Amino acid sequence: HLLPYLEASKKGDYIVIGSKRYLSPEEEQVVIRLLSTAGIVDSALINGRRYWVVKPKHSGAC
């Protein structure tokens, strides 16, 4: 139910996921749980909005 409040952009090998509005701590935890499987690299709070940097895990041999 939080997808309408999130936006994503690709920056090189990384994907930046940002909130379009303030997220409650409970909502942030839901997003963190979802993104943790994708590989969260960093997060920041900018102007009251949370952003997460994700480096997608590639399948196959490295």
Protein backbone atom coordinates (compact mmCIF):
# COMPACT_ATOMS: atom_id res chain seq x y z
CA HIS A 1 0.00 0.00 0.00
CA LEU A 2 3.04 2.30 0.16
CA LEU A 3 4.05 2.06 -3.51
CA PRO A 4 2.05 5.17 -4.54
CA TYR A 5 4.16 7.17 -2.05
CA LEU A 6 7.54 6.02 -3.39
CA GLU A 7 9.52 7.11 -6.43
CA ALA A 8 12.59 5.52 -7.96
CA SER A 9 15.40 6.68 -10.22
CA LYS A 10 18.44 4.86 -11.59
CA LYS A 11 21.89 6.34 -10.95
CA GLY A 12 24.50 4.15 -12.63
CA ASP A 13 24.51 0.74 -10.93
CA TYR A 14 22.33 2.07 -8.10
CA ILE A 15 18.64 2.75 -7.67
CA VAL A 16 17.51 5.62 -5.45
CA ILE A 17 14.11 5.08 -3.83
CA GLY A 18 12.53 8.17 -2.30
CA SER A 19 9.37 8.88 -0.38
CA LYS A 20 6.97 11.39 -1.93
CA ARG A 21 5.71 12.35 1.54
CA TYR A 22 6.63 11.93 5.19
CA LEU A 23 6.55 8.27 6.20
CA SER A 24 5.78 7.21 9.75
CA PRO A 25 8.41 5.06 11.50
CA GLU A 26 6.16 2.03 10.96
CA GLU A 27 5.87 2.79 7.23
CA GLU A 28 9.65 3.23 6.99
CA GLN A 29 10.14 -0.21 8.55
CA VAL A 30 7.84 -1.77 5.95
CA VAL A 31 9.87 -0.17 3.14
CA ILE A 32 13.17 -1.22 4.75
CA ARG A 33 11.96 -4.82 5.01
CA LEU A 34 10.98 -4.80 1.33
CA LEU A 35 14.22 -3.19 0.18
CA SER A 36 16.51 -5.26 2.41
CA THR A 37 16.18 -8.18 0.00
CA ALA A 38 17.33 -5.88 -2.83
CA GLY A 39 20.50 -4.75 -1.04
CA ILE A 40 20.22 -1.38 0.74
CA VAL A 41 23.55 0.47 0.55
CA ASP A 42 22.66 3.70 2.35
CA SER A 43 19.79 5.95 3.40
CA ALA A 44 19.32 9.64 4.10
CA LEU A 45 16.65 11.97 5.43
CA ILE A 46 16.40 15.06 3.22
CA ASN A 47 13.82 17.79 3.88
CA GLY A 48 11.69 15.37 5.89
CA ARG A 49 11.68 12.73 3.17
CA ARG A 50 13.54 9.43 3.42
CA TYR A 51 15.70 8.16 0.56
CA TRP A 52 17.30 4.73 0.20
CA VAL A 53 20.15 3.77 -2.12
CA VAL A 54 19.90 0.20 -3.37
CA LYS A 55 22.39 -1.82 -5.41
CA PRO A 56 20.38 -4.59 -7.02
CA LYS A 57 21.76 -8.07 -6.55
CA HIS A 58 22.47 -9.63 -9.92
CA SER A 59 21.68 -13.27 -10.42
CA GLY A 60 24.26 -15.61 -11.87
CA ALA A 61 27.99 -15.95 -11.33
CA CYS A 62 30.01 -12.93 -10.30
